[in-house]
Protein backbone atom coordinates (compact mmCIF):
# COMPACT_ATOMS: atom_id res chain seq x y z
CA UNK A 1 123.64 -96.72 -144.01
CA UNK A 2 124.23 -98.15 -147.49
CA UNK A 3 125.16 -101.50 -145.95
CA UNK A 4 121.80 -101.62 -144.17
CA UNK A 5 119.99 -100.85 -147.44
CA UNK A 6 121.98 -103.57 -149.25
CA UNK A 7 121.03 -106.15 -146.61
CA UNK A 8 117.38 -105.07 -146.81
CA UNK A 9 117.45 -105.44 -150.61
CA UNK A 10 118.93 -108.91 -150.24
CA UNK A 11 115.98 -110.18 -148.19
CA UNK A 12 113.28 -107.87 -149.62
CA UNK A 13 114.27 -107.14 -153.22
CA UNK A 14 112.47 -104.40 -155.13
CA UNK A 15 110.44 -106.11 -157.86
CA UNK A 16 108.91 -104.99 -161.14
CA UNK A 17 105.17 -104.46 -160.71
CA UNK A 18 104.57 -106.06 -164.08
CA UNK A 19 106.55 -109.32 -163.96
CA UNK A 20 108.26 -109.50 -160.52
CA UNK A 21 111.75 -109.22 -161.98
CA UNK A 22 114.25 -107.76 -159.52
CA UNK A 23 114.84 -104.04 -160.09
CA UNK A 24 118.07 -102.30 -159.14
CA UNK A 25 116.66 -98.82 -158.70
CA UNK A 26 114.55 -98.31 -155.58
CA UNK A 27 112.32 -95.81 -157.41
CA UNK A 28 111.82 -97.90 -160.52
CA UNK A 29 108.31 -99.18 -161.25
CA UNK A 30 108.75 -101.47 -164.26
CA UNK A 31 111.63 -103.37 -165.82
CA UNK A 32 112.74 -102.39 -169.31
CA UNK A 33 110.87 -105.32 -170.88
CA UNK A 34 107.55 -104.38 -169.25
CA UNK A 35 108.07 -100.74 -170.22
CA UNK A 36 108.51 -101.79 -173.84
CA UNK A 37 105.34 -103.88 -173.69
CA UNK A 38 103.05 -101.13 -172.42
CA UNK A 39 100.11 -100.62 -174.77
CA UNK A 40 100.29 -96.88 -175.46
CA UNK A 41 97.42 -95.16 -177.21
CA UNK A 42 98.80 -93.48 -180.35
CA UNK A 43 98.78 -89.69 -179.92
CA UNK A 44 96.21 -88.00 -182.14
CA UNK A 45 96.45 -84.52 -183.60
CA UNK A 46 92.71 -84.62 -184.26
CA UNK A 47 90.28 -83.11 -181.77
CA UNK A 48 87.89 -86.03 -182.28
CA UNK A 49 89.12 -89.27 -180.72
CA UNK A 50 87.61 -92.65 -180.00
CA UNK A 51 87.27 -91.62 -176.36
CA UNK A 52 85.58 -88.33 -177.19
CA UNK A 53 82.98 -90.06 -179.34
CA UNK A 54 81.81 -91.92 -176.21
CA UNK A 55 80.45 -88.60 -174.92
CA UNK A 56 78.61 -87.48 -178.04
CA UNK A 57 75.12 -86.32 -177.11
CA UNK A 58 75.95 -86.72 -173.40
CA UNK A 59 78.68 -84.29 -172.40
CA UNK A 60 80.45 -81.39 -174.11
CA UNK A 61 84.22 -81.93 -173.86
CA UNK A 62 87.00 -80.03 -175.63
CA UNK A 63 89.69 -82.72 -175.51
CA UNK A 64 89.44 -86.32 -174.38
CA UNK A 65 92.51 -88.53 -174.13
CA UNK A 66 94.33 -91.25 -172.22
CA UNK A 67 97.87 -92.62 -172.08
CA UNK A 68 97.51 -96.41 -172.10
CA UNK A 69 94.99 -99.03 -173.14
CA UNK A 70 93.52 -101.07 -170.29
CA UNK A 71 92.77 -104.78 -170.61
CA UNK A 72 92.33 -107.73 -168.24
CA UNK A 73 95.56 -109.35 -167.00
CA UNK A 74 97.62 -106.55 -168.55
CA UNK A 75 100.54 -104.70 -167.01
CA UNK A 76 98.30 -101.63 -166.69
CA UNK A 77 95.74 -103.60 -164.71
CA UNK A 78 98.48 -104.82 -162.35
CA UNK A 79 99.75 -101.27 -161.86
CA UNK A 80 96.30 -99.89 -161.10
CA UNK A 81 95.58 -102.72 -158.65
CA UNK A 82 98.82 -101.99 -156.76
CA UNK A 83 98.01 -98.28 -156.78
CA UNK A 84 94.40 -98.51 -155.60
CA UNK A 85 94.55 -101.40 -153.16
CA UNK A 86 98.15 -101.83 -151.98
CA UNK A 87 99.14 -98.24 -151.18
CA UNK A 88 101.74 -98.00 -153.94
CA UNK A 89 101.17 -94.29 -154.45
CA UNK A 90 104.39 -93.75 -156.42
CA UNK A 91 102.65 -95.52 -159.33
CA UNK A 92 100.32 -92.53 -159.59
CA UNK A 93 103.30 -90.22 -160.12
CA UNK A 94 104.77 -92.74 -162.57
CA UNK A 95 101.60 -92.52 -164.68
CA UNK A 96 101.93 -88.72 -164.80
CA UNK A 97 105.53 -89.02 -166.02
CA UNK A 98 104.49 -91.47 -168.74
CA UNK A 99 101.62 -89.21 -169.75
CA UNK A 100 103.77 -86.11 -170.12
CA UNK A 101 106.43 -88.01 -172.06
CA UNK A 102 103.92 -89.65 -174.40
CA UNK A 103 101.56 -86.70 -174.91
CA UNK A 104 103.95 -83.78 -174.39
CA UNK A 105 102.96 -82.04 -177.61
CA UNK A 106 99.21 -82.35 -177.17
CA UNK A 107 97.25 -79.09 -177.31
CA UNK A 108 95.39 -79.86 -174.06
CA UNK A 109 98.43 -78.96 -171.97
CA UNK A 110 98.62 -75.40 -173.30
CA UNK A 111 94.82 -75.13 -173.18
CA UNK A 112 94.24 -76.01 -169.51
CA UNK A 113 94.04 -73.48 -166.65
CA UNK A 114 93.79 -75.94 -163.77
CA UNK A 115 93.37 -79.62 -162.98
CA UNK A 116 90.63 -81.33 -160.96
CA UNK A 117 90.05 -85.00 -160.23
CA UNK A 118 87.26 -87.48 -159.65
CA UNK A 119 87.02 -87.49 -155.84
CA UNK A 120 86.49 -90.38 -153.47
CA UNK A 121 83.79 -90.20 -150.84
CA UNK A 122 85.40 -88.80 -147.67
CA UNK A 123 84.78 -92.03 -145.72
CA UNK A 124 86.41 -94.14 -148.45
CA UNK A 125 89.41 -91.84 -148.72
CA UNK A 126 89.80 -91.82 -144.94
CA UNK A 127 89.79 -95.61 -144.89
CA UNK A 128 92.26 -95.92 -147.78
CA UNK A 129 94.34 -92.93 -146.70
CA UNK A 130 94.66 -91.38 -150.14
CA UNK A 131 93.02 -90.86 -153.53
CA UNK A 132 94.78 -92.85 -156.26
CA UNK A 133 94.83 -89.67 -158.36
CA UNK A 134 96.86 -87.64 -155.84
CA UNK A 135 100.28 -88.32 -157.35
CA UNK A 136 98.97 -88.08 -160.90
CA UNK A 137 97.43 -84.66 -160.33
CA UNK A 138 100.28 -83.29 -158.25
CA UNK A 139 102.96 -84.33 -160.75
CA UNK A 140 101.02 -82.93 -163.71
CA UNK A 141 100.58 -79.71 -161.75
CA UNK A 142 104.29 -79.53 -160.95
CA UNK A 143 105.50 -80.24 -164.47
CA UNK A 144 102.93 -78.03 -166.23
CA UNK A 145 103.09 -75.27 -163.60
CA UNK A 146 99.30 -75.09 -163.25
CA UNK A 147 97.14 -75.58 -160.13
CA UNK A 148 95.68 -78.91 -159.06
CA UNK A 149 92.50 -78.44 -157.03
CA UNK A 150 91.93 -81.87 -155.58
CA UNK A 151 88.84 -80.78 -153.64
CA UNK A 152 87.16 -78.88 -156.49
CA UNK A 153 84.56 -81.65 -156.70
CA UNK A 154 83.04 -83.26 -153.61
CA UNK A 155 81.47 -86.69 -153.71
CA UNK A 156 78.17 -86.51 -151.84
CA UNK A 157 77.19 -90.18 -151.79
CA UNK A 158 79.01 -93.42 -151.20
CA UNK A 159 78.21 -95.41 -154.31
CA UNK A 160 79.33 -98.52 -156.11
CA UNK A 161 81.17 -98.31 -159.43
CA UNK A 162 79.09 -96.89 -162.27
CA UNK A 163 79.92 -99.81 -164.57
CA UNK A 164 77.78 -102.15 -162.46
CA UNK A 165 74.72 -99.90 -162.64
CA UNK A 166 71.94 -99.95 -165.17
CA UNK A 167 71.37 -96.94 -167.44
CA UNK A 168 68.42 -95.93 -165.23
CA UNK A 169 70.50 -96.18 -162.04
CA UNK A 170 73.25 -94.04 -163.58
CA UNK A 171 70.69 -91.42 -164.54
CA UNK A 172 69.57 -91.31 -160.92
CA UNK A 173 73.15 -90.53 -159.79
CA UNK A 174 73.14 -86.94 -161.05
CA UNK A 175 73.59 -85.50 -157.55
CA UNK A 176 76.61 -87.70 -156.81
CA UNK A 177 79.00 -84.71 -157.03
CA UNK A 178 78.88 -81.04 -156.09
CA UNK A 179 81.31 -78.20 -156.81
CA UNK A 180 83.10 -77.02 -153.68
CA UNK A 181 81.72 -73.56 -152.90
CA UNK A 182 85.20 -72.13 -152.32
CA UNK A 183 85.86 -72.46 -156.07
CA UNK A 184 82.61 -70.86 -157.25
CA UNK A 185 84.49 -67.69 -158.23
CA UNK A 186 86.55 -69.62 -160.81
CA UNK A 187 84.59 -69.00 -164.01
CA UNK A 188 85.37 -68.98 -167.75
CA UNK A 189 88.30 -71.33 -167.17
CA UNK A 190 89.55 -74.44 -168.96
CA UNK A 191 89.45 -77.43 -166.63
CA UNK A 192 91.29 -80.74 -167.08
CA UNK A 193 89.28 -83.48 -165.34
CA UNK A 194 91.43 -86.52 -164.52
CA UNK A 195 90.64 -90.10 -163.58
CA UNK A 196 92.48 -93.42 -163.45
CA UNK A 197 90.67 -95.49 -166.09
CA UNK A 198 87.73 -94.82 -168.40
CA UNK A 199 85.46 -97.76 -169.15
CA UNK A 200 81.88 -96.68 -169.87
CA UNK A 201 82.67 -93.04 -169.06
CA UNK A 202 79.65 -92.80 -166.75
CA UNK A 203 81.47 -91.37 -163.74
CA UNK A 204 83.28 -88.81 -165.87
CA UNK A 205 80.01 -87.88 -167.53
CA UNK A 206 78.27 -87.24 -164.21
CA UNK A 207 81.22 -85.25 -162.84
CA UNK A 208 81.55 -83.26 -166.06
CA UNK A 209 77.86 -82.38 -166.13
CA UNK A 210 78.12 -81.17 -162.53
CA UNK A 211 80.98 -78.82 -163.50
CA UNK A 212 79.22 -77.45 -166.58
CA UNK A 213 75.90 -77.02 -164.79
CA UNK A 214 77.44 -75.05 -161.93
CA UNK A 215 79.96 -72.88 -163.78
CA UNK A 216 80.81 -71.20 -167.07
CA UNK A 217 83.95 -73.31 -167.41
CA UNK A 218 84.92 -75.71 -170.19
CA UNK A 219 86.27 -79.20 -169.57
CA UNK A 220 88.66 -81.68 -171.10
CA UNK A 221 89.26 -85.23 -169.87
CA UNK A 222 92.53 -87.07 -169.26
CA UNK A 223 92.80 -90.59 -167.84
CA UNK A 224 95.73 -92.87 -167.10
CA UNK A 225 94.11 -95.66 -169.10
CA UNK A 226 91.20 -96.37 -171.41
CA UNK A 227 89.21 -99.53 -172.07
CA UNK A 228 88.43 -99.80 -175.77
């Protein structure tokens, strides 16, 4: 069996997703050099962060944080592209591991009661076969020992990314999400809303408003990456 794996590795070596260097561990994602060059967001002990200020006057959030900075042509961009478009779902779990290592002492993890994610429209998820947040949410749930309700939010319309919409068009997208009726009994809880990357924050804002409008819950936001 090991001989077969060795031959496979010879012709199809496992490469670093950041620089294409050959990796020796089949479950590795990045080489040590790429790991050292990740642009981590410094952990903050303050409740007010740069990310949270994006929501002032728009959405009430308790905590708002991310693990890595996102920029064009960066290692993070390469990872997210592989995750979203090339079925490399283990990268989603990798992001959760990085997050828990980097932010392990953050108050949000003792605050939260359960995790929910930004959903894909059912037709898009069927076509892709997965939501890029599956591994992220499941691994956080496993390590924190709290539930991950992937279907808490349902996307009702198949829309283009919020970043390409005008302010008026984004305002018209208020009905883009609904709360799954099977979770309507979950009230007065602390919800951690997760997404892959925050740019304008428009999608998170719409999803967050849907949660607050239809429940007595509080929300915090956690993303894999953040565009400053």
